[in-house]
Amino acid sequence: MSESALAFFATLTQTDSQVREQVRQASTPMHVVNLAKEKGHVFTQATMMKMQAEKLKDLHDDHINSASSWGEALLICFGEHS
């Protein structure tokens, strides 16, 4: 359930510019978990960080180096590269 909620939230970040900007400005994983919960997507910080680690290992360094914040790095993992 937690992983499917995270997947739905990741999709939301791609379709809702306001949510995407809130994630971009997130300074910690817990900020994103709380934002997702407010939007009805409940998952744990551990689930999100595990997903992020899995996605980061497959990304080229140039994508990761372009992130200017923790939240922006997460958006890159969610598939949002702008």
PDB file of N, CA and C in Angstrom:
ATOM      1  N   MET A   1       0.821  -1.199   0.000  1.00  0.00           N
ATOM      2  CA  MET A   1       0.000   0.000   0.000  1.00  0.00           C
ATOM      3  C   MET A   1       0.862   1.259   0.000  1.00  0.00           C
ATOM      4  N   SER A   2       1.871   1.262   0.804  1.00  0.00           N
ATOM      5  CA  SER A   2       2.734   2.425   0.893  1.00  0.00           C
ATOM      6  C   SER A   2       3.415   2.712  -0.448  1.00  0.00           C
ATOM      7  N   GLU A   3       3.863   1.650  -1.135  1.00  0.00           N
ATOM      8  CA  GLU A   3       4.530   1.851  -2.421  1.00  0.00           C
ATOM      9  C   GLU A   3       3.561   2.345  -3.487  1.00  0.00           C
ATOM     10  N   SER A   4       2.329   1.842  -3.478  1.00  0.00           N
ATOM     11  CA  SER A   4       1.360   2.315  -4.466  1.00  0.00           C
ATOM     12  C   SER A   4       0.963   3.760  -4.180  1.00  0.00           C
ATOM     13  N   ALA A   5       0.864   4.136  -2.907  1.00  0.00           N
ATOM     14  CA  ALA A   5       0.563   5.525  -2.551  1.00  0.00           C
ATOM     15  C   ALA A   5       1.686   6.443  -3.028  1.00  0.00           C
ATOM     16  N   LEU A   6       2.913   5.993  -2.885  1.00  0.00           N
ATOM     17  CA  LEU A   6       4.058   6.773  -3.356  1.00  0.00           C
ATOM     18  C   LEU A   6       4.005   6.922  -4.878  1.00  0.00           C
ATOM     19  N   ALA A   7       3.660   5.869  -5.581  1.00  0.00           N
ATOM     20  CA  ALA A   7       3.560   5.933  -7.042  1.00  0.00           C
ATOM     21  C   ALA A   7       2.486   6.937  -7.470  1.00  0.00           C
ATOM     22  N   PHE A   8       1.339   6.923  -6.790  1.00  0.00           N
ATOM     23  CA  PHE A   8       0.286   7.887  -7.109  1.00  0.00           C
ATOM     24  C   PHE A   8       0.729   9.313  -6.810  1.00  0.00           C
ATOM     25  N   PHE A   9       1.454   9.498  -5.715  1.00  0.00           N
ATOM     26  CA  PHE A   9       1.944  10.831  -5.379  1.00  0.00           C
ATOM     27  C   PHE A   9       2.980  11.297  -6.408  1.00  0.00           C
ATOM     28  N   ALA A  10       3.825  10.395  -6.855  1.00  0.00           N
ATOM     29  CA  ALA A  10       4.817  10.737  -7.881  1.00  0.00           C
ATOM     30  C   ALA A  10       4.112  11.222  -9.144  1.00  0.00           C
ATOM     31  N   THR A  11       3.019  10.567  -9.510  1.00  0.00           N
ATOM     32  CA  THR A  11       2.237  10.988 -10.669  1.00  0.00           C
ATOM     33  C   THR A  11       1.642  12.375 -10.435  1.00  0.00           C
ATOM     34  N   LEU A  12       1.178  12.618  -9.230  1.00  0.00           N
ATOM     35  CA  LEU A  12       0.618  13.924  -8.892  1.00  0.00           C
ATOM     36  C   LEU A  12       1.659  15.029  -9.070  1.00  0.00           C
ATOM     37  N   THR A  13       2.906  14.761  -8.703  1.00  0.00           N
ATOM     38  CA  THR A  13       3.951  15.784  -8.853  1.00  0.00           C
ATOM     39  C   THR A  13       4.194  16.131 -10.314  1.00  0.00           C
ATOM     40  N   GLN A  14       3.886  15.207 -11.198  1.00  0.00           N
ATOM     41  CA  GLN A  14       4.083  15.453 -12.623  1.00  0.00           C
ATOM     42  C   GLN A  14       2.914  16.208 -13.248  1.00  0.00           C
ATOM     43  N   THR A  15       1.743  16.146 -12.613  1.00  0.00           N
ATOM     44  CA  THR A  15       0.555  16.771 -13.201  1.00  0.00           C
ATOM     45  C   THR A  15       0.090  18.032 -12.482  1.00  0.00           C
ATOM     46  N   ASP A  16       0.547  18.244 -11.263  1.00  0.00           N
ATOM     47  CA  ASP A  16       0.108  19.391 -10.467  1.00  0.00           C
ATOM     48  C   ASP A  16       1.313  20.280 -10.164  1.00  0.00           C
ATOM     49  N   SER A  17       1.382  21.416 -10.831  1.00  0.00           N
ATOM     50  CA  SER A  17       2.549  22.292 -10.680  1.00  0.00           C
ATOM     51  C   SER A  17       2.709  22.833  -9.265  1.00  0.00           C
ATOM     52  N   GLN A  18       1.611  23.037  -8.554  1.00  0.00           N
ATOM     53  CA  GLN A  18       1.694  23.532  -7.184  1.00  0.00           C
ATOM     54  C   GLN A  18       2.335  22.487  -6.268  1.00  0.00           C
ATOM     55  N   VAL A  19       1.909  21.252  -6.380  1.00  0.00           N
ATOM     56  CA  VAL A  19       2.499  20.170  -5.577  1.00  0.00           C
ATOM     57  C   VAL A  19       3.966  19.984  -5.960  1.00  0.00           C
ATOM     58  N   ARG A  20       4.242  20.037  -7.260  1.00  0.00           N
ATOM     59  CA  ARG A  20       5.623  19.877  -7.726  1.00  0.00           C
ATOM     60  C   ARG A  20       6.522  20.942  -7.103  1.00  0.00           C
ATOM     61  N   GLU A  21       6.052  22.176  -7.042  1.00  0.00           N
ATOM     62  CA  GLU A  21       6.858  23.251  -6.454  1.00  0.00           C
ATOM     63  C   GLU A  21       7.032  23.045  -4.949  1.00  0.00           C
ATOM     64  N   GLN A  22       6.010  22.553  -4.282  1.00  0.00           N
ATOM     65  CA  GLN A  22       6.127  22.280  -2.847  1.00  0.00           C
ATOM     66  C   GLN A  22       7.149  21.179  -2.589  1.00  0.00           C
ATOM     67  N   VAL A  23       7.163  20.157  -3.427  1.00  0.00           N
ATOM     68  CA  VAL A  23       8.170  19.097  -3.283  1.00  0.00           C
ATOM     69  C   VAL A  23       9.552  19.658  -3.592  1.00  0.00           C
ATOM     70  N   ARG A  24       9.655  20.457  -4.630  1.00  0.00           N
ATOM     71  CA  ARG A  24      10.942  21.051  -5.011  1.00  0.00           C
ATOM     72  C   ARG A  24      11.558  21.827  -3.838  1.00  0.00           C
ATOM     73  N   GLN A  25      10.730  22.474  -3.043  1.00  0.00           N
ATOM     74  CA  GLN A  25      11.213  23.274  -1.922  1.00  0.00           C
ATOM     75  C   GLN A  25      11.398  22.475  -0.630  1.00  0.00           C
ATOM     76  N   ALA A  26      11.029  21.205  -0.646  1.00  0.00           N
ATOM     77  CA  ALA A  26      11.140  20.379   0.564  1.00  0.00           C
ATOM     78  C   ALA A  26      12.603  20.230   0.974  1.00  0.00           C
ATOM     79  N   SER A  27      12.853  20.432   2.252  1.00  0.00           N
ATOM     80  CA  SER A  27      14.231  20.330   2.737  1.00  0.00           C
ATOM     81  C   SER A  27      14.528  18.979   3.376  1.00  0.00           C
ATOM     82  N   THR A  28      13.492  18.218   3.686  1.00  0.00           N
ATOM     83  CA  THR A  28      13.697  16.905   4.302  1.00  0.00           C
ATOM     84  C   THR A  28      12.678  15.910   3.747  1.00  0.00           C
ATOM     85  N   PRO A  29      12.980  14.632   3.868  1.00  0.00           N
ATOM     86  CA  PRO A  29      12.012  13.617   3.445  1.00  0.00           C
ATOM     87  C   PRO A  29      10.678  13.737   4.184  1.00  0.00           C
ATOM     88  N   MET A  30      10.707  14.080   5.457  1.00  0.00           N
ATOM     89  CA  MET A  30       9.473  14.171   6.233  1.00  0.00           C
ATOM     90  C   MET A  30       8.546  15.261   5.702  1.00  0.00           C
ATOM     91  N   HIS A  31       9.110  16.342   5.173  1.00  0.00           N
ATOM     92  CA  HIS A  31       8.271  17.380   4.559  1.00  0.00           C
ATOM     93  C   HIS A  31       7.457  16.803   3.409  1.00  0.00           C
ATOM     94  N   VAL A  32       8.071  15.958   2.598  1.00  0.00           N
ATOM     95  CA  VAL A  32       7.373  15.347   1.464  1.00  0.00           C
ATOM     96  C   VAL A  32       6.336  14.347   1.956  1.00  0.00           C
ATOM     97  N   VAL A  33       6.681  13.554   2.948  1.00  0.00           N
ATOM     98  CA  VAL A  33       5.733  12.584   3.510  1.00  0.00           C
ATOM     99  C   VAL A  33       4.498  13.306   4.046  1.00  0.00           C
ATOM    100  N   ASN A  34       4.703  14.405   4.739  1.00  0.00           N
ATOM    101  CA  ASN A  34       3.572  15.169   5.294  1.00  0.00           C
ATOM    102  C   ASN A  34       2.740  15.831   4.197  1.00  0.00           C
ATOM    103  N   LEU A  35       3.390  16.354   3.179  1.00  0.00           N
ATOM    104  CA  LEU A  35       2.679  16.949   2.051  1.00  0.00           C
ATOM    105  C   LEU A  35       1.818  15.886   1.356  1.00  0.00           C
ATOM    106  N   ALA A  36       2.400  14.736   1.123  1.00  0.00           N
ATOM    107  CA  ALA A  36       1.662  13.648   0.477  1.00  0.00           C
ATOM    108  C   ALA A  36       0.460  13.232   1.320  1.00  0.00           C
ATOM    109  N   LYS A  37       0.666  13.162   2.615  1.00  0.00           N
ATOM    110  CA  LYS A  37      -0.426  12.776   3.520  1.00  0.00           C
ATOM    111  C   LYS A  37      -1.574  13.789   3.429  1.00  0.00           C
ATOM    112  N   GLU A  38      -1.248  15.070   3.355  1.00  0.00           N
ATOM    113  CA  GLU A  38      -2.271  16.118   3.199  1.00  0.00           C
ATOM    114  C   GLU A  38      -3.075  15.922   1.918  1.00  0.00           C
ATOM    115  N   LYS A  39      -2.441  15.331   0.914  1.00  0.00           N
ATOM    116  CA  LYS A  39      -3.085  15.111  -0.381  1.00  0.00           C
ATOM    117  C   LYS A  39      -3.740  13.730  -0.470  1.00  0.00           C
ATOM    118  N   GLY A  40      -3.690  12.960   0.637  1.00  0.00           N
ATOM    119  CA  GLY A  40      -4.346  11.659   0.673  1.00  0.00           C
ATOM    120  C   GLY A  40      -3.484  10.482   0.251  1.00  0.00           C
ATOM    121  N   HIS A  41      -2.172  10.683   0.181  1.00  0.00           N
ATOM    122  CA  HIS A  41      -1.243   9.621  -0.224  1.00  0.00           C
ATOM    123  C   HIS A  41      -0.341   9.299   0.965  1.00  0.00           C
ATOM    124  N   VAL A  42      -0.604   8.189   1.616  1.00  0.00           N
ATOM    125  CA  VAL A  42       0.126   7.845   2.839  1.00  0.00           C
ATOM    126  C   VAL A  42       1.200   6.800   2.542  1.00  0.00           C
ATOM    127  N   PHE A  43       2.445   7.192   2.798  1.00  0.00           N
ATOM    128  CA  PHE A  43       3.582   6.282   2.692  1.00  0.00           C
ATOM    129  C   PHE A  43       4.620   6.713   3.716  1.00  0.00           C
ATOM    130  N   THR A  44       5.563   5.843   3.962  1.00  0.00           N
ATOM    131  CA  THR A  44       6.558   6.129   4.991  1.00  0.00           C
ATOM    132  C   THR A  44       7.782   6.809   4.386  1.00  0.00           C
ATOM    133  N   GLN A  45       8.498   7.450   5.239  1.00  0.00           N
ATOM    134  CA  GLN A  45       9.752   8.073   4.853  1.00  0.00           C
ATOM    135  C   GLN A  45      10.712   6.994   4.338  1.00  0.00           C
ATOM    136  N   ALA A  46      10.725   5.835   4.985  1.00  0.00           N
ATOM    137  CA  ALA A  46      11.610   4.744   4.569  1.00  0.00           C
ATOM    138  C   ALA A  46      11.275   4.270   3.158  1.00  0.00           C
ATOM    139  N   THR A  47       9.984   4.140   2.849  1.00  0.00           N
ATOM    140  CA  THR A  47       9.578   3.713   1.510  1.00  0.00           C
ATOM    141  C   THR A  47      10.048   4.718   0.466  1.00  0.00           C
ATOM    142  N   MET A  48       9.872   5.993   0.752  1.00  0.00           N
ATOM    143  CA  MET A  48      10.266   7.024  -0.199  1.00  0.00           C
ATOM    144  C   MET A  48      11.777   7.037  -0.402  1.00  0.00           C
ATOM    145  N   MET A  49      12.529   6.936   0.667  1.00  0.00           N
ATOM    146  CA  MET A  49      13.983   6.981   0.553  1.00  0.00           C
ATOM    147  C   MET A  49      14.523   5.733  -0.145  1.00  0.00           C
ATOM    148  N   LYS A  50      13.875   4.597   0.077  1.00  0.00           N
ATOM    149  CA  LYS A  50      14.270   3.367  -0.611  1.00  0.00           C
ATOM    150  C   LYS A  50      14.049   3.527  -2.112  1.00  0.00           C
ATOM    151  N   MET A  51      12.884   4.068  -2.500  1.00  0.00           N
ATOM    152  CA  MET A  51      12.599   4.301  -3.901  1.00  0.00           C
ATOM    153  C   MET A  51      13.605   5.283  -4.498  1.00  0.00           C
ATOM    154  N   GLN A  52      13.899   6.326  -3.775  1.00  0.00           N
ATOM    155  CA  GLN A  52      14.837   7.321  -4.273  1.00  0.00           C
ATOM    156  C   GLN A  52      16.208   6.695  -4.503  1.00  0.00           C
ATOM    157  N   ALA A  53      16.671   5.884  -3.577  1.00  0.00           N
ATOM    158  CA  ALA A  53      17.972   5.228  -3.725  1.00  0.00           C
ATOM    159  C   ALA A  53      17.981   4.310  -4.942  1.00  0.00           C
ATOM    160  N   GLU A  54      16.900   3.570  -5.137  1.00  0.00           N
ATOM    161  CA  GLU A  54      16.797   2.680  -6.298  1.00  0.00           C
ATOM    162  C   GLU A  54      16.856   3.462  -7.603  1.00  0.00           C
ATOM    163  N   LYS A  55      16.147   4.576  -7.676  1.00  0.00           N
ATOM    164  CA  LYS A  55      16.114   5.390  -8.894  1.00  0.00           C
ATOM    165  C   LYS A  55      17.451   6.096  -9.124  1.00  0.00           C
ATOM    166  N   LEU A  56      18.072   6.587  -8.059  1.00  0.00           N
ATOM    167  CA  LEU A  56      19.325   7.327  -8.204  1.00  0.00           C
ATOM    168  C   LEU A  56      20.437   6.472  -8.792  1.00  0.00           C
ATOM    169  N   LYS A  57      20.444   5.198  -8.458  1.00  0.00           N
ATOM    170  CA  LYS A  57      21.529   4.347  -8.947  1.00  0.00           C
ATOM    171  C   LYS A  57      21.482   4.183 -10.463  1.00  0.00           C
ATOM    172  N   ASP A  58      20.329   4.409 -11.079  1.00  0.00           N
ATOM    173  CA  ASP A  58      20.190   4.253 -12.522  1.00  0.00           C
ATOM    174  C   ASP A  58      20.313   5.573 -13.286  1.00  0.00           C
ATOM    175  N   LEU A  59      20.423   6.684 -12.582  1.00  0.00           N
ATOM    176  CA  LEU A  59      20.504   7.990 -13.239  1.00  0.00           C
ATOM    177  C   LEU A  59      21.947   8.390 -13.501  1.00  0.00           C
ATOM    178  N   HIS A  60      22.151   9.074 -14.586  1.00  0.00           N
ATOM    179  CA  HIS A  60      23.467   9.603 -14.910  1.00  0.00           C
ATOM    180  C   HIS A  60      23.792  10.730 -13.929  1.00  0.00           C
ATOM    181  N   ASP A  61      25.038  10.877 -13.599  1.00  0.00           N
ATOM    182  CA  ASP A  61      25.470  11.908 -12.655  1.00  0.00           C
ATOM    183  C   ASP A  61      25.012  13.306 -13.051  1.00  0.00           C
ATOM    184  N   ASP A  62      24.954  13.593 -14.351  1.00  0.00           N
ATOM    185  CA  ASP A  62      24.535  14.920 -14.799  1.00  0.00           C
ATOM    186  C   ASP A  62      23.130  15.271 -14.316  1.00  0.00           C
ATOM    187  N   HIS A  63      22.232  14.289 -14.298  1.00  0.00           N
ATOM    188  CA  HIS A  63      20.874  14.536 -13.810  1.00  0.00           C
ATOM    189  C   HIS A  63      20.889  14.858 -12.316  1.00  0.00           C
ATOM    190  N   ILE A  64      21.658  14.107 -11.569  1.00  0.00           N
ATOM    191  CA  ILE A  64      21.711  14.285 -10.117  1.00  0.00           C
ATOM    192  C   ILE A  64      22.409  15.595  -9.764  1.00  0.00           C
ATOM    193  N   ASN A  65      23.494  15.901 -10.463  1.00  0.00           N
ATOM    194  CA  ASN A  65      24.245  17.127 -10.181  1.00  0.00           C
ATOM    195  C   ASN A  65      23.442  18.382 -10.486  1.00  0.00           C
ATOM    196  N   SER A  66      22.436  18.274 -11.343  1.00  0.00           N
ATOM    197  CA  SER A  66      21.643  19.455 -11.693  1.00  0.00           C
ATOM    198  C   SER A  66      20.640  19.827 -10.605  1.00  0.00           C
ATOM    199  N   ALA A  67      20.422  18.941  -9.650  1.00  0.00           N
ATOM    200  CA  ALA A  67      19.470  19.221  -8.572  1.00  0.00           C
ATOM    201  C   ALA A  67      20.051  20.257  -7.616  1.00  0.00           C
ATOM    202  N   SER A  68      19.232  21.261  -7.293  1.00  0.00           N
ATOM    203  CA  SER A  68      19.716  22.311  -6.391  1.00  0.00           C
ATOM    204  C   SER A  68      19.161  22.155  -4.978  1.00  0.00           C
ATOM    205  N   SER A  69      18.323  21.135  -4.769  1.00  0.00           N
ATOM    206  CA  SER A  69      17.778  20.889  -3.436  1.00  0.00           C
ATOM    207  C   SER A  69      17.449  19.411  -3.299  1.00  0.00           C
ATOM    208  N   TRP A  70      17.214  18.990  -2.078  1.00  0.00           N
ATOM    209  CA  TRP A  70      16.824  17.606  -1.840  1.00  0.00           C
ATOM    210  C   TRP A  70      15.506  17.311  -2.551  1.00  0.00           C
ATOM    211  N   GLY A  71      14.554  18.200  -2.455  1.00  0.00           N
ATOM    212  CA  GLY A  71      13.259  17.999  -3.105  1.00  0.00           C
ATOM    213  C   GLY A  71      13.385  17.908  -4.608  1.00  0.00           C
ATOM    214  N   GLU A  72      14.257  18.698  -5.184  1.00  0.00           N
ATOM    215  CA  GLU A  72      14.473  18.648  -6.627  1.00  0.00           C
ATOM    216  C   GLU A  72      15.083  17.303  -7.039  1.00  0.00           C
ATOM    217  N   ALA A  73      15.981  16.777  -6.223  1.00  0.00           N
ATOM    218  CA  ALA A  73      16.548  15.448  -6.493  1.00  0.00           C
ATOM    219  C   ALA A  73      15.446  14.388  -6.461  1.00  0.00           C
ATOM    220  N   LEU A  74      14.518  14.539  -5.547  1.00  0.00           N
ATOM    221  CA  LEU A  74      13.402  13.600  -5.478  1.00  0.00           C
ATOM    222  C   LEU A  74      12.537  13.706  -6.725  1.00  0.00           C
ATOM    223  N   LEU A  75      12.290  14.912  -7.193  1.00  0.00           N
ATOM    224  CA  LEU A  75      11.501  15.091  -8.416  1.00  0.00           C
ATOM    225  C   LEU A  75      12.183  14.431  -9.605  1.00  0.00           C
ATOM    226  N   ILE A  76      13.489  14.489  -9.653  1.00  0.00           N
ATOM    227  CA  ILE A  76      14.217  13.807 -10.721  1.00  0.00           C
ATOM    228  C   ILE A  76      13.942  12.308 -10.643  1.00  0.00           C
ATOM    229  N   CYS A  77      13.910  11.767  -9.451  1.00  0.00           N
ATOM    230  CA  CYS A  77      13.599  10.347  -9.277  1.00  0.00           C
ATOM    231  C   CYS A  77      12.166  10.036  -9.683  1.00  0.00           C
ATOM    232  N   PHE A  78      11.265  10.981  -9.469  1.00  0.00           N
ATOM    233  CA  PHE A  78       9.868  10.809  -9.857  1.00  0.00           C
ATOM    234  C   PHE A  78       9.682  10.945 -11.363  1.00  0.00           C
ATOM    235  N   GLY A  79      10.731  11.343 -12.065  1.00  0.00           N
ATOM    236  CA  GLY A  79      10.625  11.472 -13.503  1.00  0.00           C
ATOM    237  C   GLY A  79      10.449  12.881 -13.993  1.00  0.00           C
ATOM    238  N   GLU A  80      10.514  13.843 -13.107  1.00  0.00           N
ATOM    239  CA  GLU A  80      10.338  15.256 -13.446  1.00  0.00           C
ATOM    240  C   GLU A  80      11.732  15.867 -13.597  1.00  0.00           C
ATOM    241  N   HIS A  81      12.140  16.137 -14.836  1.00  0.00           N
ATOM    242  CA  HIS A  81      13.503  16.620 -15.071  1.00  0.00           C
ATOM    243  C   HIS A  81      13.579  18.106 -15.367  1.00  0.00           C
ATOM    244  N   SER A  82      12.534  18.862 -15.081  1.00  0.00           N
ATOM    245  CA  SER A  82      12.617  20.304 -15.369  1.00  0.00           C
ATOM    246  C   SER A  82      12.580  21.106 -14.107  1.00  0.00           C
TER     247      SER A  82
END
